[in-house]
Amino acid sequence: MDETPFDVFHWANEIDEIKNNVSVELFLFNKNYTPFKVRYSDKLTNSVKSMFMMEAIQYIIKEADKGLECREYEKSDGEEKVIYRTKLSNVGRAETLLHLIENEYKDIDFFSDNEYEFKKIKGILAKFSYPGGDGTKIFYIAKGISASSAIKGATSWELNGESFEPFSAEVAIKMPEDNQVAIIDGNIIIFNQSKFEALFQYDYKSQVIADAKAKELEEKYKLSFAEGLTLNALLQDKKPLLKKLQSVEVAEAMSQEQLIDYADEMQLELMTDDDNSLIIMDDKDLSMFVNLLSEDYFVSPVSGLRYEIKSKKLMSEPEGEPPRG
């Protein structure tokens, strides 16, 4: 039986009714999706709630009367008057970020620009809590932050009335005003598809391709990965390699034994275990494996030097074969 989809419209109306009983905590997170606690002045409480929570729920409630729909992200096609939903479990970086906040809260540092550098920050996450029937309920609103939107105090002045004065803060940040991503009860609600994909480096189409290619490769080759690594995850993080693999006909590619011999001929450090499985410990090993499949290594018949080919341009067809196409 199919699970009933999360009803974002019911949720928005529920939050609108109890909005005065909601408390909020802010986190910054960097490009490695490490969260940082951040304090804020009581004077900003209403602004934080308005900018993160109220903008989102009022948009949903208002636009619902104008035909707004919520559809599956995986079936998205850039439609108008549509927001999207997907499962949090589908988006690894978002899931990891929330896991750290919910399970390792005491180990999360407070952010300081002197120690962590604001230019490495990728986004801001507002955690909202409110009393529910079975205890405390939680939801999150996430937005991307551009380092270029920050103003450094050391190189900035304040215009106060008719005079310039020293800037009073280490860093000033212009918060994004648009709705981007909400995370509620294991569901991700996507207001802005491109910003969601950039914020969590998630591209469903690339994931489908990576899953298919990983299945092909693992059916043909014996591969051994470092603990915690999978071929799917490595490919999703390396789009240039995934793109290169799309042009490789795995079924027609060299066998495992031929690939190992090819690596030996090119004097590459391709590791194998006792079972003759190819060992892939990191991105470097994966790149070597994909380059071998693509036959991107070459020995010059003139100098005997070995090269890695960065791009290939077919100059002619092999002799005795009809032209392709």
C-alpha atoms as a PDB file:
ATOM      1  CA  MET A   1       0.000   0.000   0.000  1.00  0.00           C
ATOM      2  CA  ASP A   2       1.380   3.442  -0.933  1.00  0.00           C
ATOM      3  CA  GLU A   3       2.193   5.774   1.932  1.00  0.00           C
ATOM      4  CA  THR A   4      -0.004   8.882   2.114  1.00  0.00           C
ATOM      5  CA  PRO A   5       2.075  11.867   0.949  1.00  0.00           C
ATOM      6  CA  PHE A   6       2.942  14.531   3.502  1.00  0.00           C
ATOM      7  CA  ASP A   7       0.276  17.273   3.463  1.00  0.00           C
ATOM      8  CA  VAL A   8       2.202  20.558   3.481  1.00  0.00           C
ATOM      9  CA  PHE A   9      -1.014  22.600   3.309  1.00  0.00           C
ATOM     10  CA  HIS A  10      -2.363  21.056   6.519  1.00  0.00           C
ATOM     11  CA  TRP A  11       1.037  21.647   8.144  1.00  0.00           C
ATOM     12  CA  ALA A  12       1.097  25.345   7.156  1.00  0.00           C
ATOM     13  CA  ASN A  13      -2.354  25.923   8.653  1.00  0.00           C
ATOM     14  CA  GLU A  14      -1.377  24.066  11.827  1.00  0.00           C
ATOM     15  CA  ILE A  15       1.738  26.228  12.299  1.00  0.00           C
ATOM     16  CA  ASP A  16      -0.197  29.399  11.542  1.00  0.00           C
ATOM     17  CA  GLU A  17      -2.523  28.602  14.446  1.00  0.00           C
ATOM     18  CA  ILE A  18       0.270  28.081  17.019  1.00  0.00           C
ATOM     19  CA  LYS A  19       2.869  30.516  15.617  1.00  0.00           C
ATOM     20  CA  ASN A  20       3.093  32.463  18.883  1.00  0.00           C
ATOM     21  CA  ASN A  21       4.158  29.305  20.769  1.00  0.00           C
ATOM     22  CA  VAL A  22       7.053  28.461  18.459  1.00  0.00           C
ATOM     23  CA  SER A  23      10.662  28.895  19.592  1.00  0.00           C
ATOM     24  CA  VAL A  24      13.588  29.049  17.186  1.00  0.00           C
ATOM     25  CA  GLU A  25      17.305  28.275  17.227  1.00  0.00           C
ATOM     26  CA  LEU A  26      19.753  29.143  14.442  1.00  0.00           C
ATOM     27  CA  PHE A  27      22.638  27.138  12.993  1.00  0.00           C
ATOM     28  CA  LEU A  28      25.151  27.949  10.290  1.00  0.00           C
ATOM     29  CA  PHE A  29      26.647  25.101   8.272  1.00  0.00           C
ATOM     30  CA  ASN A  30      29.709  25.018   6.058  1.00  0.00           C
ATOM     31  CA  LYS A  31      30.528  23.391   2.728  1.00  0.00           C
ATOM     32  CA  ASN A  32      31.317  20.122   4.527  1.00  0.00           C
ATOM     33  CA  TYR A  33      27.838  20.264   6.156  1.00  0.00           C
ATOM     34  CA  THR A  34      29.314  20.766   9.617  1.00  0.00           C
ATOM     35  CA  PRO A  35      26.800  22.713  11.736  1.00  0.00           C
ATOM     36  CA  PHE A  36      27.649  25.576  14.101  1.00  0.00           C
ATOM     37  CA  LYS A  37      25.472  27.024  16.826  1.00  0.00           C
ATOM     38  CA  VAL A  38      24.856  30.758  16.583  1.00  0.00           C
ATOM     39  CA  ARG A  39      23.292  33.072  19.128  1.00  0.00           C
ATOM     40  CA  TYR A  40      21.031  35.938  18.192  1.00  0.00           C
ATOM     41  CA  SER A  41      19.681  38.977  20.027  1.00  0.00           C
ATOM     42  CA  ASP A  42      16.176  38.862  21.505  1.00  0.00           C
ATOM     43  CA  LYS A  43      15.491  41.919  19.354  1.00  0.00           C
ATOM     44  CA  LEU A  44      15.799  39.680  16.276  1.00  0.00           C
ATOM     45  CA  THR A  45      13.336  36.993  17.422  1.00  0.00           C
ATOM     46  CA  ASN A  46      10.368  38.401  15.515  1.00  0.00           C
ATOM     47  CA  SER A  47      12.546  38.997  12.443  1.00  0.00           C
ATOM     48  CA  VAL A  48      13.876  35.420  12.504  1.00  0.00           C
ATOM     49  CA  LYS A  49      10.371  33.976  12.794  1.00  0.00           C
ATOM     50  CA  SER A  50       9.052  36.252  10.071  1.00  0.00           C
ATOM     51  CA  MET A  51      11.880  35.695   7.602  1.00  0.00           C
ATOM     52  CA  PHE A  52      12.109  31.921   7.973  1.00  0.00           C
ATOM     53  CA  MET A  53       8.770  30.597   9.252  1.00  0.00           C
ATOM     54  CA  MET A  54       6.046  33.119   8.445  1.00  0.00           C
ATOM     55  CA  GLU A  55       7.189  33.811   4.893  1.00  0.00           C
ATOM     56  CA  ALA A  56       6.988  30.083   4.129  1.00  0.00           C
ATOM     57  CA  ILE A  57       3.626  29.295   5.714  1.00  0.00           C
ATOM     58  CA  GLN A  58       1.947  32.456   4.431  1.00  0.00           C
ATOM     59  CA  TYR A  59       3.157  31.674   0.923  1.00  0.00           C
ATOM     60  CA  ILE A  60       1.686  28.161   1.123  1.00  0.00           C
ATOM     61  CA  ILE A  61      -1.639  29.336   2.567  1.00  0.00           C
ATOM     62  CA  LYS A  62      -2.008  32.282   0.181  1.00  0.00           C
ATOM     63  CA  GLU A  63      -0.982  30.430  -2.969  1.00  0.00           C
ATOM     64  CA  ALA A  64      -3.093  27.353  -2.142  1.00  0.00           C
ATOM     65  CA  ASP A  65      -6.156  29.452  -2.987  1.00  0.00           C
ATOM     66  CA  LYS A  66      -4.575  30.221  -6.378  1.00  0.00           C
ATOM     67  CA  GLY A  67      -3.949  26.609  -7.355  1.00  0.00           C
ATOM     68  CA  LEU A  68      -0.571  25.885  -5.744  1.00  0.00           C
ATOM     69  CA  GLU A  69       0.244  22.144  -5.798  1.00  0.00           C
ATOM     70  CA  CYS A  70       2.819  19.984  -4.038  1.00  0.00           C
ATOM     71  CA  ARG A  71       4.301  17.195  -6.195  1.00  0.00           C
ATOM     72  CA  GLU A  72       7.134  14.677  -6.040  1.00  0.00           C
ATOM     73  CA  TYR A  73      10.519  16.239  -6.736  1.00  0.00           C
ATOM     74  CA  GLU A  74      11.630  13.140  -8.624  1.00  0.00           C
ATOM     75  CA  LYS A  75       8.865  13.756 -11.154  1.00  0.00           C
ATOM     76  CA  SER A  76       9.514  17.496 -11.401  1.00  0.00           C
ATOM     77  CA  ASP A  77       9.667  19.332 -14.667  1.00  0.00           C
ATOM     78  CA  GLY A  78       9.941  22.989 -13.663  1.00  0.00           C
ATOM     79  CA  GLU A  79       6.183  23.562 -13.532  1.00  0.00           C
ATOM     80  CA  GLU A  80       4.718  26.850 -12.368  1.00  0.00           C
ATOM     81  CA  LYS A  81       2.599  27.103  -9.200  1.00  0.00           C
ATOM     82  CA  VAL A  82       4.216  23.939  -7.839  1.00  0.00           C
ATOM     83  CA  ILE A  83       6.345  23.184  -4.806  1.00  0.00           C
ATOM     84  CA  TYR A  84       8.038  19.804  -4.520  1.00  0.00           C
ATOM     85  CA  ARG A  85       8.521  17.194  -1.839  1.00  0.00           C
ATOM     86  CA  THR A  86      10.997  14.393  -1.378  1.00  0.00           C
ATOM     87  CA  LYS A  87      12.049  12.146   1.495  1.00  0.00           C
ATOM     88  CA  LEU A  88      14.832  13.389   3.760  1.00  0.00           C
ATOM     89  CA  SER A  89      16.405   9.935   3.436  1.00  0.00           C
ATOM     90  CA  ASN A  90      16.929  10.601  -0.290  1.00  0.00           C
ATOM     91  CA  VAL A  91      19.152  13.620   0.364  1.00  0.00           C
ATOM     92  CA  GLY A  92      22.244  12.395   2.178  1.00  0.00           C
ATOM     93  CA  ARG A  93      23.796  15.743   3.053  1.00  0.00           C
ATOM     94  CA  ALA A  94      20.591  17.129   4.536  1.00  0.00           C
ATOM     95  CA  GLU A  95      20.045  13.916   6.498  1.00  0.00           C
ATOM     96  CA  THR A  96      23.609  14.039   7.859  1.00  0.00           C
ATOM     97  CA  LEU A  97      23.254  17.693   8.840  1.00  0.00           C
ATOM     98  CA  LEU A  98      20.070  17.049  10.822  1.00  0.00           C
ATOM     99  CA  HIS A  99      21.549  13.914  12.390  1.00  0.00           C
ATOM    100  CA  LEU A 100      24.439  15.967  13.797  1.00  0.00           C
ATOM    101  CA  ILE A 101      22.090  18.622  15.166  1.00  0.00           C
ATOM    102  CA  GLU A 102      19.666  16.147  16.707  1.00  0.00           C
ATOM    103  CA  ASN A 103      22.141  13.571  18.041  1.00  0.00           C
ATOM    104  CA  GLU A 104      25.450  15.367  18.623  1.00  0.00           C
ATOM    105  CA  TYR A 105      24.178  18.769  19.745  1.00  0.00           C
ATOM    106  CA  LYS A 106      26.502  19.043  22.752  1.00  0.00           C
ATOM    107  CA  ASP A 107      29.552  18.661  20.505  1.00  0.00           C
ATOM    108  CA  ILE A 108      28.549  21.451  18.093  1.00  0.00           C
ATOM    109  CA  ASP A 109      30.705  24.569  18.422  1.00  0.00           C
ATOM    110  CA  PHE A 110      29.453  28.128  18.387  1.00  0.00           C
ATOM    111  CA  PHE A 111      30.454  29.915  15.212  1.00  0.00           C
ATOM    112  CA  SER A 112      33.195  32.540  15.322  1.00  0.00           C
ATOM    113  CA  ASP A 113      34.504  34.199  12.175  1.00  0.00           C
ATOM    114  CA  ASN A 114      37.965  34.419  13.715  1.00  0.00           C
ATOM    115  CA  GLU A 115      38.084  30.650  14.141  1.00  0.00           C
ATOM    116  CA  TYR A 116      35.995  29.241  11.283  1.00  0.00           C
ATOM    117  CA  GLU A 117      35.804  31.967   8.562  1.00  0.00           C
ATOM    118  CA  PHE A 118      32.441  33.029   7.266  1.00  0.00           C
ATOM    119  CA  LYS A 119      33.551  32.605   3.629  1.00  0.00           C
ATOM    120  CA  LYS A 120      33.334  28.822   4.146  1.00  0.00           C
ATOM    121  CA  ILE A 121      29.690  28.966   5.261  1.00  0.00           C
ATOM    122  CA  LYS A 122      27.173  27.468   2.830  1.00  0.00           C
ATOM    123  CA  GLY A 123      23.846  27.954   4.526  1.00  0.00           C
ATOM    124  CA  ILE A 124      21.759  28.808   7.553  1.00  0.00           C
ATOM    125  CA  LEU A 125      19.243  26.518   9.240  1.00  0.00           C
ATOM    126  CA  ALA A 126      16.448  27.627  11.564  1.00  0.00           C
ATOM    127  CA  LYS A 127      15.218  24.928  13.947  1.00  0.00           C
ATOM    128  CA  PHE A 128      11.653  25.552  15.141  1.00  0.00           C
ATOM    129  CA  SER A 129      10.163  23.792  18.178  1.00  0.00           C
ATOM    130  CA  TYR A 130       6.612  23.827  19.530  1.00  0.00           C
ATOM    131  CA  PRO A 131       4.522  21.697  21.921  1.00  0.00           C
ATOM    132  CA  GLY A 132       2.639  18.869  20.249  1.00  0.00           C
ATOM    133  CA  GLY A 133       0.311  16.124  21.378  1.00  0.00           C
ATOM    134  CA  ASP A 134       3.111  13.661  22.194  1.00  0.00           C
ATOM    135  CA  GLY A 135       5.784  16.143  23.243  1.00  0.00           C
ATOM    136  CA  THR A 136       7.853  18.647  21.314  1.00  0.00           C
ATOM    137  CA  LYS A 137       7.484  18.885  17.540  1.00  0.00           C
ATOM    138  CA  ILE A 138      10.294  20.171  15.318  1.00  0.00           C
ATOM    139  CA  PHE A 139      10.708  21.470  11.806  1.00  0.00           C
ATOM    140  CA  TYR A 140      13.524  23.240   9.959  1.00  0.00           C
ATOM    141  CA  ILE A 141      13.829  25.978   7.365  1.00  0.00           C
ATOM    142  CA  ALA A 142      17.095  26.128   5.393  1.00  0.00           C
ATOM    143  CA  LYS A 143      18.493  28.849   3.145  1.00  0.00           C
ATOM    144  CA  GLY A 144      21.720  29.208   1.229  1.00  0.00           C
ATOM    145  CA  ILE A 145      24.117  32.011   2.074  1.00  0.00           C
ATOM    146  CA  SER A 146      26.593  33.542  -0.348  1.00  0.00           C
ATOM    147  CA  ALA A 147      29.953  34.605   1.058  1.00  0.00           C
ATOM    148  CA  SER A 148      29.737  37.656  -1.193  1.00  0.00           C
ATOM    149  CA  SER A 149      26.707  38.851   0.802  1.00  0.00           C
ATOM    150  CA  ALA A 150      28.854  39.330   3.920  1.00  0.00           C
ATOM    151  CA  ILE A 151      30.349  42.695   4.871  1.00  0.00           C
ATOM    152  CA  LYS A 152      33.591  42.511   6.855  1.00  0.00           C
ATOM    153  CA  GLY A 153      33.803  44.981   9.722  1.00  0.00           C
ATOM    154  CA  ALA A 154      37.511  45.673   9.276  1.00  0.00           C
ATOM    155  CA  THR A 155      36.994  47.137   5.798  1.00  0.00           C
ATOM    156  CA  SER A 156      33.538  48.738   6.209  1.00  0.00           C
ATOM    157  CA  TRP A 157      32.090  51.945   7.629  1.00  0.00           C
ATOM    158  CA  GLU A 158      28.651  52.769   8.957  1.00  0.00           C
ATOM    159  CA  LEU A 159      26.793  55.818   7.701  1.00  0.00           C
ATOM    160  CA  ASN A 160      25.063  57.149  10.817  1.00  0.00           C
ATOM    161  CA  GLY A 161      23.060  60.255  10.033  1.00  0.00           C
ATOM    162  CA  GLU A 162      25.448  62.602   8.246  1.00  0.00           C
ATOM    163  CA  SER A 163      28.715  60.975   9.293  1.00  0.00           C
ATOM    164  CA  PHE A 164      30.711  57.779   8.766  1.00  0.00           C
ATOM    165  CA  GLU A 165      31.604  55.767  11.844  1.00  0.00           C
ATOM    166  CA  PRO A 166      33.584  52.547  12.416  1.00  0.00           C
ATOM    167  CA  PHE A 167      31.586  49.418  11.600  1.00  0.00           C
ATOM    168  CA  SER A 168      30.460  47.931  14.918  1.00  0.00           C
ATOM    169  CA  ALA A 169      30.470  44.202  14.001  1.00  0.00           C
ATOM    170  CA  GLU A 170      32.985  41.651  12.730  1.00  0.00           C
ATOM    171  CA  VAL A 171      30.670  40.613   9.902  1.00  0.00           C
ATOM    172  CA  ALA A 172      27.277  41.790   8.638  1.00  0.00           C
ATOM    173  CA  ILE A 173      25.103  39.379   6.676  1.00  0.00           C
ATOM    174  CA  LYS A 174      22.243  40.097   4.292  1.00  0.00           C
ATOM    175  CA  MET A 175      19.792  37.264   4.837  1.00  0.00           C
ATOM    176  CA  PRO A 176      18.078  35.743   1.793  1.00  0.00           C
ATOM    177  CA  GLU A 177      14.408  36.727   1.785  1.00  0.00           C
ATOM    178  CA  ASP A 178      13.064  34.006  -0.519  1.00  0.00           C
ATOM    179  CA  ASN A 179      11.613  30.665   0.519  1.00  0.00           C
ATOM    180  CA  GLN A 180      13.983  27.800  -0.316  1.00  0.00           C
ATOM    181  CA  VAL A 181      13.731  24.567   1.703  1.00  0.00           C
ATOM    182  CA  ALA A 182      11.689  23.260   4.639  1.00  0.00           C
ATOM    183  CA  ILE A 183      12.324  19.941   6.405  1.00  0.00           C
ATOM    184  CA  ILE A 184       9.329  18.521   8.268  1.00  0.00           C
ATOM    185  CA  ASP A 185       8.786  15.049   9.767  1.00  0.00           C
ATOM    186  CA  GLY A 186      11.281  13.331   7.451  1.00  0.00           C
ATOM    187  CA  ASN A 187      10.079  15.226   4.383  1.00  0.00           C
ATOM    188  CA  ILE A 188      11.830  17.960   2.411  1.00  0.00           C
ATOM    189  CA  ILE A 189       9.592  20.653   0.931  1.00  0.00           C
ATOM    190  CA  ILE A 190      11.272  22.434  -1.971  1.00  0.00           C
ATOM    191  CA  PHE A 191      10.173  25.986  -2.782  1.00  0.00           C
ATOM    192  CA  ASN A 192      13.105  26.735  -5.099  1.00  0.00           C
ATOM    193  CA  GLN A 193      14.414  23.728  -7.024  1.00  0.00           C
ATOM    194  CA  SER A 194      17.740  25.190  -8.197  1.00  0.00           C
ATOM    195  CA  LYS A 195      18.598  26.595  -4.764  1.00  0.00           C
ATOM    196  CA  PHE A 196      17.690  23.309  -3.075  1.00  0.00           C
ATOM    197  CA  GLU A 197      19.961  21.393  -5.450  1.00  0.00           C
ATOM    198  CA  ALA A 198      22.809  23.855  -4.895  1.00  0.00           C
ATOM    199  CA  LEU A 199      22.335  23.931  -1.124  1.00  0.00           C
ATOM    200  CA  PHE A 200      22.526  20.159  -0.660  1.00  0.00           C
ATOM    201  CA  GLN A 201      24.362  19.231  -3.879  1.00  0.00           C
ATOM    202  CA  TYR A 202      21.538  16.922  -4.831  1.00  0.00           C
ATOM    203  CA  ASP A 203      20.621  16.109  -8.396  1.00  0.00           C
ATOM    204  CA  TYR A 204      18.094  13.311  -8.767  1.00  0.00           C
ATOM    205  CA  LYS A 205      18.820  12.708 -12.454  1.00  0.00           C
ATOM    206  CA  SER A 206      22.537  12.320 -11.748  1.00  0.00           C
ATOM    207  CA  GLN A 207      21.704   9.942  -8.907  1.00  0.00           C
ATOM    208  CA  VAL A 208      19.608   7.736 -11.201  1.00  0.00           C
ATOM    209  CA  ILE A 209      22.457   7.622 -13.736  1.00  0.00           C
ATOM    210  CA  ALA A 210      24.995   6.918 -10.972  1.00  0.00           C
ATOM    211  CA  ASP A 211      22.852   4.069  -9.600  1.00  0.00           C
ATOM    212  CA  ALA A 212      22.514   2.504 -13.055  1.00  0.00           C
ATOM    213  CA  LYS A 213      26.231   2.787 -13.867  1.00  0.00           C
ATOM    214  CA  ALA A 214      27.230   1.485 -10.440  1.00  0.00           C
ATOM    215  CA  LYS A 215      25.020  -1.569 -10.959  1.00  0.00           C
ATOM    216  CA  GLU A 216      26.581  -2.240 -14.383  1.00  0.00           C
ATOM    217  CA  LEU A 217      30.132  -1.909 -13.066  1.00  0.00           C
ATOM    218  CA  GLU A 218      29.570  -4.046  -9.991  1.00  0.00           C
ATOM    219  CA  GLU A 219      28.004  -6.791 -12.101  1.00  0.00           C
ATOM    220  CA  LYS A 220      31.087  -6.958 -14.340  1.00  0.00           C
ATOM    221  CA  TYR A 221      33.964  -6.135 -11.986  1.00  0.00           C
ATOM    222  CA  LYS A 222      34.967  -7.264  -8.511  1.00  0.00           C
ATOM    223  CA  LEU A 223      35.434  -4.098  -6.485  1.00  0.00           C
ATOM    224  CA  SER A 224      36.445  -3.591  -2.872  1.00  0.00           C
ATOM    225  CA  PHE A 225      35.751  -0.246  -1.154  1.00  0.00           C
ATOM    226  CA  ALA A 226      37.073   1.431   1.959  1.00  0.00           C
ATOM    227  CA  GLU A 227      34.693   1.181   4.913  1.00  0.00           C
ATOM    228  CA  GLY A 228      31.748   3.532   4.558  1.00  0.00           C
ATOM    229  CA  LEU A 229      32.256   4.137   0.823  1.00  0.00           C
ATOM    230  CA  THR A 230      30.000   2.961  -1.995  1.00  0.00           C
ATOM    231  CA  LEU A 231      30.371   3.312  -5.731  1.00  0.00           C
ATOM    232  CA  ASN A 232      27.043   5.156  -5.975  1.00  0.00           C
ATOM    233  CA  ALA A 233      28.055   7.793  -3.429  1.00  0.00           C
ATOM    234  CA  LEU A 234      31.478   8.338  -5.010  1.00  0.00           C
ATOM    235  CA  LEU A 235      29.979   8.764  -8.469  1.00  0.00           C
ATOM    236  CA  GLN A 236      27.331  11.226  -7.293  1.00  0.00           C
ATOM    237  CA  ASP A 237      30.068  13.413  -5.806  1.00  0.00           C
ATOM    238  CA  LYS A 238      32.180  13.308  -8.993  1.00  0.00           C
ATOM    239  CA  LYS A 239      30.032  14.524 -11.873  1.00  0.00           C
ATOM    240  CA  PRO A 240      32.947  14.702 -14.396  1.00  0.00           C
ATOM    241  CA  LEU A 241      33.652  10.995 -13.785  1.00  0.00           C
ATOM    242  CA  LEU A 242      29.961  10.155 -14.051  1.00  0.00           C
ATOM    243  CA  LYS A 243      29.779  12.030 -17.340  1.00  0.00           C
ATOM    244  CA  LYS A 244      32.801  10.132 -18.632  1.00  0.00           C
ATOM    245  CA  LEU A 245      31.249   6.809 -17.609  1.00  0.00           C
ATOM    246  CA  GLN A 246      28.120   7.613 -19.597  1.00  0.00           C
ATOM    247  CA  SER A 247      30.200   7.229 -22.774  1.00  0.00           C
ATOM    248  CA  VAL A 248      31.645   3.867 -21.669  1.00  0.00           C
ATOM    249  CA  GLU A 249      29.887   0.731 -22.904  1.00  0.00           C
ATOM    250  CA  VAL A 250      30.539  -1.370 -19.822  1.00  0.00           C
ATOM    251  CA  ALA A 251      29.462  -4.616 -21.493  1.00  0.00           C
ATOM    252  CA  GLU A 252      32.080  -4.114 -24.222  1.00  0.00           C
ATOM    253  CA  ALA A 253      34.828  -2.766 -21.950  1.00  0.00           C
ATOM    254  CA  MET A 254      37.943  -4.801 -21.136  1.00  0.00           C
ATOM    255  CA  SER A 255      37.705  -7.631 -18.639  1.00  0.00           C
ATOM    256  CA  GLN A 256      39.003  -7.414 -15.082  1.00  0.00           C
ATOM    257  CA  GLU A 257      42.188  -9.274 -16.027  1.00  0.00           C
ATOM    258  CA  GLN A 258      42.769  -7.038 -19.058  1.00  0.00           C
ATOM    259  CA  LEU A 259      42.205  -3.931 -16.965  1.00  0.00           C
ATOM    260  CA  ILE A 260      44.770  -5.088 -14.377  1.00  0.00           C
ATOM    261  CA  ASP A 261      47.283  -5.860 -17.151  1.00  0.00           C
ATOM    262  CA  TYR A 262      46.636  -2.446 -18.701  1.00  0.00           C
ATOM    263  CA  ALA A 263      47.317  -0.768 -15.330  1.00  0.00           C
ATOM    264  CA  ASP A 264      50.571  -2.737 -14.985  1.00  0.00           C
ATOM    265  CA  GLU A 265      51.637  -1.725 -18.484  1.00  0.00           C
ATOM    266  CA  MET A 266      51.010   1.935 -17.627  1.00  0.00           C
ATOM    267  CA  GLN A 267      52.850   1.470 -14.298  1.00  0.00           C
ATOM    268  CA  LEU A 268      49.832   2.622 -12.307  1.00  0.00           C
ATOM    269  CA  GLU A 269      49.369   1.777  -8.644  1.00  0.00           C
ATOM    270  CA  LEU A 270      46.115  -0.107  -9.064  1.00  0.00           C
ATOM    271  CA  MET A 271      45.681  -2.157  -5.901  1.00  0.00           C
ATOM    272  CA  THR A 272      44.026  -5.557  -5.697  1.00  0.00           C
ATOM    273  CA  ASP A 273      43.240  -7.775  -2.722  1.00  0.00           C
ATOM    274  CA  ASP A 274      43.755 -11.528  -2.246  1.00  0.00           C
ATOM    275  CA  ASP A 275      40.532 -12.154  -4.173  1.00  0.00           C
ATOM    276  CA  ASN A 276      41.867 -10.049  -7.062  1.00  0.00           C
ATOM    277  CA  SER A 277      39.183  -7.438  -6.420  1.00  0.00           C
ATOM    278  CA  LEU A 278      40.081  -3.874  -7.366  1.00  0.00           C
ATOM    279  CA  ILE A 279      40.594  -1.811  -4.217  1.00  0.00           C
ATOM    280  CA  ILE A 280      39.060   1.674  -4.251  1.00  0.00           C
ATOM    281  CA  MET A 281      39.982   3.677  -1.180  1.00  0.00           C
ATOM    282  CA  ASP A 282      39.186   7.203  -2.349  1.00  0.00           C
ATOM    283  CA  ASP A 283      38.393   9.536  -5.264  1.00  0.00           C
ATOM    284  CA  LYS A 284      41.899   9.086  -6.685  1.00  0.00           C
ATOM    285  CA  ASP A 285      41.451   5.318  -7.014  1.00  0.00           C
ATOM    286  CA  LEU A 286      38.014   5.801  -8.575  1.00  0.00           C
ATOM    287  CA  SER A 287      39.430   8.259 -11.128  1.00  0.00           C
ATOM    288  CA  MET A 288      42.137   5.765 -12.081  1.00  0.00           C
ATOM    289  CA  PHE A 289      39.562   2.979 -12.484  1.00  0.00           C
ATOM    290  CA  VAL A 290      37.321   5.121 -14.724  1.00  0.00           C
ATOM    291  CA  ASN A 291      40.310   6.343 -16.774  1.00  0.00           C
ATOM    292  CA  LEU A 292      41.402   2.741 -17.325  1.00  0.00           C
ATOM    293  CA  LEU A 293      37.900   1.802 -18.483  1.00  0.00           C
ATOM    294  CA  SER A 294      37.996   4.765 -20.880  1.00  0.00           C
ATOM    295  CA  GLU A 295      41.479   3.736 -22.073  1.00  0.00           C
ATOM    296  CA  ASP A 296      42.787   7.177 -21.234  1.00  0.00           C
ATOM    297  CA  TYR A 297      46.412   6.123 -20.714  1.00  0.00           C
ATOM    298  CA  PHE A 298      48.874   5.999 -23.599  1.00  0.00           C
ATOM    299  CA  VAL A 299      52.503   5.103 -24.247  1.00  0.00           C
ATOM    300  CA  SER A 300      54.202   7.122 -26.970  1.00  0.00           C
ATOM    301  CA  PRO A 301      55.723   4.755 -29.573  1.00  0.00           C
ATOM    302  CA  VAL A 302      58.387   7.391 -30.252  1.00  0.00           C
ATOM    303  CA  SER A 303      59.560   8.473 -26.810  1.00  0.00           C
ATOM    304  CA  GLY A 304      58.205   5.637 -24.682  1.00  0.00           C
ATOM    305  CA  LEU A 305      56.739   8.220 -22.294  1.00  0.00           C
ATOM    306  CA  ARG A 306      53.403   7.529 -20.639  1.00  0.00           C
ATOM    307  CA  TYR A 307      50.550  10.016 -20.834  1.00  0.00           C
ATOM    308  CA  GLU A 308      47.064  10.491 -19.425  1.00  0.00           C
ATOM    309  CA  ILE A 309      44.778  11.676 -22.231  1.00  0.00           C
ATOM    310  CA  LYS A 310      42.585  14.577 -21.102  1.00  0.00           C
ATOM    311  CA  SER A 311      40.345  14.585 -24.171  1.00  0.00           C
ATOM    312  CA  LYS A 312      39.860  12.406 -27.222  1.00  0.00           C
ATOM    313  CA  LYS A 313      39.132  13.489 -30.752  1.00  0.00           C
ATOM    314  CA  LEU A 314      38.603  10.739 -33.330  1.00  0.00           C
ATOM    315  CA  MET A 315      40.734  11.577 -36.387  1.00  0.00           C
ATOM    316  CA  SER A 316      39.803   8.588 -38.551  1.00  0.00           C
ATOM    317  CA  GLU A 317      38.117   5.210 -38.455  1.00  0.00           C
ATOM    318  CA  PRO A 318      40.229   2.053 -38.032  1.00  0.00           C
ATOM    319  CA  GLU A 319      41.385   0.669 -41.384  1.00  0.00           C
ATOM    320  CA  GLY A 320      39.028  -1.858 -42.968  1.00  0.00           C
ATOM    321  CA  GLU A 321      35.978  -0.672 -41.013  1.00  0.00           C
ATOM    322  CA  PRO A 322      33.097   1.236 -42.603  1.00  0.00           C
ATOM    323  CA  PRO A 323      32.454   4.770 -41.352  1.00  0.00           C
ATOM    324  CA  ARG A 324      30.094   5.051 -38.368  1.00  0.00           C
ATOM    325  CA  GLY A 325      26.723   6.666 -38.785  1.00  0.00           C
END
